[in-house]
Protein backbone atom coordinates (compact mmCIF):
# COMPACT_ATOMS: atom_id res chain seq x y z
CA MET A 1 -1.87 42.46 -9.69
CA LYS A 2 -2.08 40.94 -6.20
CA GLN A 3 -4.34 38.21 -7.55
CA HIS A 4 -1.78 37.29 -10.22
CA ILE A 5 1.02 37.10 -7.68
CA PHE A 6 -1.13 34.93 -5.38
CA LEU A 7 -2.10 32.64 -8.26
CA ILE A 8 1.48 32.23 -9.46
CA SER A 9 2.74 31.63 -5.90
CA SER A 10 0.05 29.01 -5.31
CA LEU A 11 0.91 27.17 -8.51
CA VAL A 12 4.63 27.19 -7.72
CA LEU A 13 4.01 25.79 -4.23
CA LEU A 14 1.71 23.11 -5.60
CA PHE A 15 4.35 21.81 -7.99
CA LEU A 16 7.22 22.09 -5.52
CA LEU A 17 5.60 20.10 -2.68
CA PRO A 18 7.41 16.81 -2.10
CA ASN A 19 5.55 13.71 -3.25
CA GLU A 20 5.62 12.27 0.29
CA LEU A 21 3.19 14.98 1.39
CA MET A 22 0.58 13.95 -1.13
CA ALA A 23 -1.71 10.96 -1.12
CA ALA A 24 -0.88 8.17 -3.50
CA GLU A 25 -2.45 8.26 -6.93
CA LEU A 26 -3.90 4.82 -7.56
CA PRO A 27 -3.03 2.45 -9.06
CA LEU A 28 0.38 2.65 -7.42
CA THR A 29 3.28 0.25 -8.00
CA LEU A 30 6.18 0.07 -5.53
CA GLU A 31 9.24 -2.06 -6.28
CA ALA A 32 12.20 -3.45 -4.37
CA ASP A 33 14.88 -5.99 -5.34
CA ASP A 34 12.66 -9.05 -4.84
CA TRP A 35 9.10 -7.67 -4.77
CA ARG A 36 6.55 -5.58 -6.65
CA LEU A 37 3.51 -4.28 -4.73
CA THR A 38 0.54 -2.96 -6.69
CA VAL A 39 -2.21 -1.09 -4.84
CA ARG A 40 -5.38 -0.12 -6.65
CA THR A 41 -8.97 0.73 -5.92
CA ALA A 42 -10.98 -2.49 -5.93
CA ASP A 43 -13.81 -2.99 -8.38
CA THR A 44 -16.87 -3.48 -6.22
CA ASP A 45 -20.31 -4.61 -7.17
CA SER A 46 -22.70 -2.46 -5.13
CA ASP A 47 -25.42 -5.13 -5.32
CA ARG A 48 -23.19 -7.74 -3.67
CA LEU A 49 -21.10 -5.61 -1.34
CA CYS A 50 -22.56 -3.36 1.33
CA GLN A 51 -20.14 -0.67 2.44
CA PRO A 52 -20.62 2.55 4.39
CA SER A 53 -19.79 5.79 2.61
CA ASP A 54 -16.66 6.39 4.73
CA ILE A 55 -15.03 3.13 3.59
CA ASP A 56 -12.87 2.73 0.47
CA MET A 57 -12.14 -0.65 -1.08
CA TYR A 58 -8.60 -1.55 -2.12
CA GLU A 59 -6.85 -4.42 -3.85
CA LEU A 60 -3.25 -5.41 -3.05
CA LYS A 61 -1.08 -7.66 -5.22
CA LEU A 62 2.42 -8.66 -4.11
CA GLU A 63 4.55 -10.28 -6.83
CA ASN A 64 7.77 -12.22 -6.30
CA THR A 65 10.10 -10.78 -8.97
CA SER A 66 13.11 -13.03 -8.29
CA GLY A 67 13.86 -16.66 -7.38
CA ASN A 68 11.71 -19.07 -5.38
CA LYS A 69 10.97 -18.06 -1.78
CA LYS A 70 9.75 -20.15 1.15
CA ASP A 71 7.70 -19.33 4.27
CA VAL A 72 6.46 -16.10 2.70
CA SER A 73 3.99 -13.94 4.60
CA MET A 74 2.52 -10.55 3.78
CA HIS A 75 1.12 -8.55 6.71
CA THR A 76 -0.85 -5.34 6.16
CA PHE A 77 -1.36 -2.71 8.86
CA ARG A 78 -3.29 0.54 8.90
CA GLN A 79 -1.80 3.72 10.35
CA GLU A 80 -4.18 6.21 11.92
CA GLU A 81 -3.42 9.62 13.36
CA GLY A 82 -3.37 9.75 17.14
CA LYS A 83 -2.84 6.00 17.63
CA ASP A 84 0.31 4.61 19.24
CA ARG A 85 0.14 1.31 17.43
CA ASP A 86 -0.88 0.08 13.99
CA GLU A 87 -3.80 -2.30 13.57
CA GLY A 88 -3.46 -5.40 11.41
CA LEU A 89 -5.80 -5.69 8.45
CA VAL A 90 -5.00 -8.77 6.43
CA GLU A 91 -2.39 -11.49 6.13
CA ASP A 92 -1.63 -13.77 3.22
CA ALA A 93 1.00 -16.51 3.24
CA ALA A 94 2.53 -19.29 1.17
CA ASP A 95 4.83 -22.15 2.10
CA VAL A 96 6.59 -21.75 -1.26
CA LEU A 97 6.20 -18.81 -3.64
CA ALA A 98 7.69 -19.37 -7.08
CA ALA A 99 9.28 -16.59 -9.12
CA ASN A 100 6.58 -14.42 -10.77
CA ALA A 101 3.86 -15.82 -8.45
CA SER A 102 1.87 -13.50 -6.20
CA LEU A 103 0.02 -13.04 -2.93
CA GLY A 104 -2.71 -10.50 -2.36
CA ALA A 105 -5.92 -9.20 -0.92
CA ARG A 106 -9.06 -8.26 -2.83
CA ASN A 107 -11.91 -6.05 -1.65
CA LEU A 108 -10.00 -4.83 1.40
CA PRO A 109 -12.23 -2.28 3.21
CA ILE A 110 -10.27 0.62 4.72
CA SER A 111 -11.71 3.61 6.52
CA GLN A 112 -11.07 6.99 4.93
CA ASP A 113 -9.47 8.06 8.25
CA VAL A 114 -6.51 5.76 7.63
CA GLU A 115 -3.41 7.76 6.69
CA ALA A 116 -1.28 4.97 5.25
CA LEU A 117 -0.93 1.25 4.73
CA ASP A 118 2.18 -0.47 6.04
CA VAL A 119 2.88 -3.70 4.13
CA LEU A 120 5.44 -6.02 5.72
CA ILE A 121 6.84 -9.05 3.86
CA LEU A 122 8.80 -11.81 5.63
CA TRP A 123 10.43 -14.73 3.79
CA GLN A 124 13.32 -17.15 3.53
CA GLU A 125 15.38 -17.78 0.44
CA GLU A 126 15.00 -21.28 -0.96
CA ASP A 127 18.55 -22.32 0.02
CA ASP A 128 18.82 -20.36 3.29
CA ALA A 129 17.22 -20.59 6.74
CA GLN A 130 17.74 -16.88 7.44
CA TYR A 131 14.61 -14.69 7.40
CA PHE A 132 14.43 -11.53 5.31
CA LYS A 133 12.11 -8.54 5.57
CA GLN A 134 10.84 -5.94 3.09
CA GLN A 135 8.50 -3.09 3.99
CA PHE A 136 6.38 -0.81 1.81
CA MET A 137 4.55 2.31 3.01
CA VAL A 138 1.52 3.38 0.94
CA PRO A 139 0.20 6.89 1.70
CA LEU A 140 -3.59 7.09 1.48
CA GLN A 141 -4.05 10.69 2.67
CA ALA A 142 -2.15 13.89 2.11
CA ALA A 143 -0.04 14.92 5.11
CA ASP A 144 -1.03 18.07 6.97
């Protein structure tokens, strides 16, 4: 009887945990008004790419889902437990990014110790000199 109660309690807790406490299931698509970010595990060819066993390979694709943008830059940072600052991983930029065009990074090696990816997008609208910012947080590990 105690085993049944424990099993049922465990299942209930598993399904009631908030999604923020769990690592992202890949591929993952995050959307905002102007952007769609897709994060997936990169297809790697083991003959061409040497990677240690504690490194995972990712692919990021950032799509412009609305009008033309100018001075677009995508900055990716890794967040690690116990560090006061985030370390930059990759940057991609375009002077002009048309609607439905994309930026991205392929075969991005990230240590399995990294808790999350922080993706920061900066841009200007085609008719405006003001800068805009969008940020996506991609959890890679379950929270403790």
